[in-house]
Amino acid sequence: GVGTVVKLYGEGFLEKGNHVVTAFEDFGEVSSNDGEMLEITIKGPFPEEFLKKNAEFYKKEKFTMNYQIAVMNDSGNSNFVSFTFLFYE
């Protein structure tokens, strides 16, 4: 859900200039201290106020959405990796 910290593990990440994207979010440039891990915080596909207003419905219906995430940098583009976004906590 919103605020979840996601750690992406791989190789070929740059100290600066890793561009992390999903179909719903653009995290901009994300740095890597070791070239093997990036860390982002999920904002979600809708404004947080909207999610809070509808939280009971999402929780009752166990509403989720499939996310695809990728990393691009000067070394190339990663494959897309899927994870599930929870609209409820």
C-alpha atoms as a PDB file:
ATOM      1  CA  GLY A   1       0.000   0.000   0.000  1.00  0.00           C
ATOM      2  CA  VAL A   2       0.877   3.683   0.172  1.00  0.00           C
ATOM      3  CA  GLY A   3       4.092   4.284   2.104  1.00  0.00           C
ATOM      4  CA  THR A   4       5.473   0.776   1.623  1.00  0.00           C
ATOM      5  CA  VAL A   5       9.247   0.765   1.214  1.00  0.00           C
ATOM      6  CA  VAL A   6      10.308  -1.517  -1.639  1.00  0.00           C
ATOM      7  CA  LYS A   7      13.882  -2.697  -2.038  1.00  0.00           C
ATOM      8  CA  LEU A   8      14.879  -3.748  -5.552  1.00  0.00           C
ATOM      9  CA  TYR A   9      17.829  -6.135  -5.723  1.00  0.00           C
ATOM     10  CA  GLY A  10      19.823  -6.772  -8.879  1.00  0.00           C
ATOM     11  CA  GLU A  11      23.044  -5.793 -10.540  1.00  0.00           C
ATOM     12  CA  GLY A  12      24.195  -3.029 -12.825  1.00  0.00           C
ATOM     13  CA  PHE A  13      22.597  -0.259 -10.784  1.00  0.00           C
ATOM     14  CA  LEU A  14      24.555   2.981 -10.896  1.00  0.00           C
ATOM     15  CA  GLU A  15      25.532   5.176  -7.980  1.00  0.00           C
ATOM     16  CA  LYS A  16      23.310   7.862  -9.564  1.00  0.00           C
ATOM     17  CA  GLY A  17      20.983   7.930 -12.559  1.00  0.00           C
ATOM     18  CA  ASN A  18      18.787   4.857 -12.015  1.00  0.00           C
ATOM     19  CA  HIS A  19      15.311   5.713 -13.293  1.00  0.00           C
ATOM     20  CA  VAL A  20      12.604   3.607 -11.559  1.00  0.00           C
ATOM     21  CA  VAL A  21       9.135   3.506 -13.157  1.00  0.00           C
ATOM     22  CA  THR A  22       5.777   1.734 -12.999  1.00  0.00           C
ATOM     23  CA  ALA A  23       2.729   2.287 -15.178  1.00  0.00           C
ATOM     24  CA  PHE A  24       1.435   4.611 -12.437  1.00  0.00           C
ATOM     25  CA  GLU A  25       4.498   6.204 -10.864  1.00  0.00           C
ATOM     26  CA  ASP A  26       7.803   7.697 -11.884  1.00  0.00           C
ATOM     27  CA  PHE A  27      10.285   7.667  -9.020  1.00  0.00           C
ATOM     28  CA  GLY A  28      12.831   9.725 -10.915  1.00  0.00           C
ATOM     29  CA  GLU A  29      16.487   9.142 -10.274  1.00  0.00           C
ATOM     30  CA  VAL A  30      17.228   6.698  -7.482  1.00  0.00           C
ATOM     31  CA  SER A  31      20.768   6.162  -6.162  1.00  0.00           C
ATOM     32  CA  SER A  32      22.470   2.908  -5.260  1.00  0.00           C
ATOM     33  CA  ASN A  33      25.318   2.789  -2.749  1.00  0.00           C
ATOM     34  CA  ASP A  34      26.455  -0.706  -3.741  1.00  0.00           C
ATOM     35  CA  GLY A  35      25.230  -1.211  -7.342  1.00  0.00           C
ATOM     36  CA  GLU A  36      22.958  -4.054  -6.182  1.00  0.00           C
ATOM     37  CA  MET A  37      20.023  -2.413  -4.331  1.00  0.00           C
ATOM     38  CA  LEU A  38      17.610   0.458  -4.924  1.00  0.00           C
ATOM     39  CA  GLU A  39      15.010   1.643  -2.424  1.00  0.00           C
ATOM     40  CA  ILE A  40      11.744   3.432  -3.233  1.00  0.00           C
ATOM     41  CA  THR A  41       8.596   4.336  -1.289  1.00  0.00           C
ATOM     42  CA  ILE A  42       5.270   3.569  -2.972  1.00  0.00           C
ATOM     43  CA  LYS A  43       2.957   6.560  -3.401  1.00  0.00           C
ATOM     44  CA  GLY A  44       0.169   4.642  -5.133  1.00  0.00           C
ATOM     45  CA  PRO A  45      -1.942   5.216  -8.213  1.00  0.00           C
ATOM     46  CA  PHE A  46      -4.452   7.511  -6.492  1.00  0.00           C
ATOM     47  CA  PRO A  47      -4.149  10.458  -4.081  1.00  0.00           C
ATOM     48  CA  GLU A  48      -3.785   9.317  -0.472  1.00  0.00           C
ATOM     49  CA  GLU A  49      -6.917  11.269   0.520  1.00  0.00           C
ATOM     50  CA  PHE A  50      -8.969   9.261  -2.003  1.00  0.00           C
ATOM     51  CA  LEU A  51      -7.608   5.979  -0.665  1.00  0.00           C
ATOM     52  CA  LYS A  52      -8.368   6.966   2.939  1.00  0.00           C
ATOM     53  CA  LYS A  53     -11.903   8.074   2.050  1.00  0.00           C
ATOM     54  CA  ASN A  54     -12.627   4.676   0.455  1.00  0.00           C
ATOM     55  CA  ALA A  55     -10.553   2.504   2.814  1.00  0.00           C
ATOM     56  CA  GLU A  56     -13.486   0.562   4.276  1.00  0.00           C
ATOM     57  CA  PHE A  57     -14.706  -0.460   0.821  1.00  0.00           C
ATOM     58  CA  TYR A  58     -11.219  -1.525  -0.316  1.00  0.00           C
ATOM     59  CA  LYS A  59     -10.626  -3.511   2.869  1.00  0.00           C
ATOM     60  CA  LYS A  60     -14.025  -5.234   2.677  1.00  0.00           C
ATOM     61  CA  GLU A  61     -13.490  -6.154  -0.987  1.00  0.00           C
ATOM     62  CA  LYS A  62      -9.745  -6.878  -0.495  1.00  0.00           C
ATOM     63  CA  PHE A  63      -9.085  -4.643  -3.496  1.00  0.00           C
ATOM     64  CA  THR A  64      -5.623  -4.991  -5.064  1.00  0.00           C
ATOM     65  CA  MET A  65      -3.845  -4.018  -8.287  1.00  0.00           C
ATOM     66  CA  ASN A  66      -0.959  -5.663 -10.116  1.00  0.00           C
ATOM     67  CA  TYR A  67       2.032  -3.326 -10.462  1.00  0.00           C
ATOM     68  CA  GLN A  68       4.894  -3.746 -12.887  1.00  0.00           C
ATOM     69  CA  ILE A  69       8.164  -2.016 -12.071  1.00  0.00           C
ATOM     70  CA  ALA A  70      11.353  -1.518 -14.106  1.00  0.00           C
ATOM     71  CA  VAL A  71      14.702   0.228 -13.797  1.00  0.00           C
ATOM     72  CA  MET A  72      16.467   2.094 -16.605  1.00  0.00           C
ATOM     73  CA  ASN A  73      19.950   3.592 -16.561  1.00  0.00           C
ATOM     74  CA  ASP A  74      22.936   4.162 -18.851  1.00  0.00           C
ATOM     75  CA  SER A  75      23.781   0.438 -18.557  1.00  0.00           C
ATOM     76  CA  GLY A  76      20.401  -0.578 -20.051  1.00  0.00           C
ATOM     77  CA  ASN A  77      16.851  -1.485 -19.059  1.00  0.00           C
ATOM     78  CA  SER A  78      15.745  -4.170 -16.631  1.00  0.00           C
ATOM     79  CA  ASN A  79      12.946  -6.618 -17.174  1.00  0.00           C
ATOM     80  CA  PHE A  80       9.577  -5.752 -15.624  1.00  0.00           C
ATOM     81  CA  VAL A  81       8.885  -7.293 -12.218  1.00  0.00           C
ATOM     82  CA  SER A  82       5.343  -7.613 -10.841  1.00  0.00           C
ATOM     83  CA  PHE A  83       4.086  -6.977  -7.340  1.00  0.00           C
ATOM     84  CA  THR A  84       0.644  -6.448  -5.830  1.00  0.00           C
ATOM     85  CA  PHE A  85      -0.482  -3.040  -4.573  1.00  0.00           C
ATOM     86  CA  LEU A  86      -2.962  -3.266  -1.681  1.00  0.00           C
ATOM     87  CA  PHE A  87      -5.585  -0.553  -1.533  1.00  0.00           C
ATOM     88  CA  TYR A  88      -6.137  -1.348   2.142  1.00  0.00           C
ATOM     89  CA  GLU A  89      -3.919  -1.881   5.152  1.00  0.00           C
END
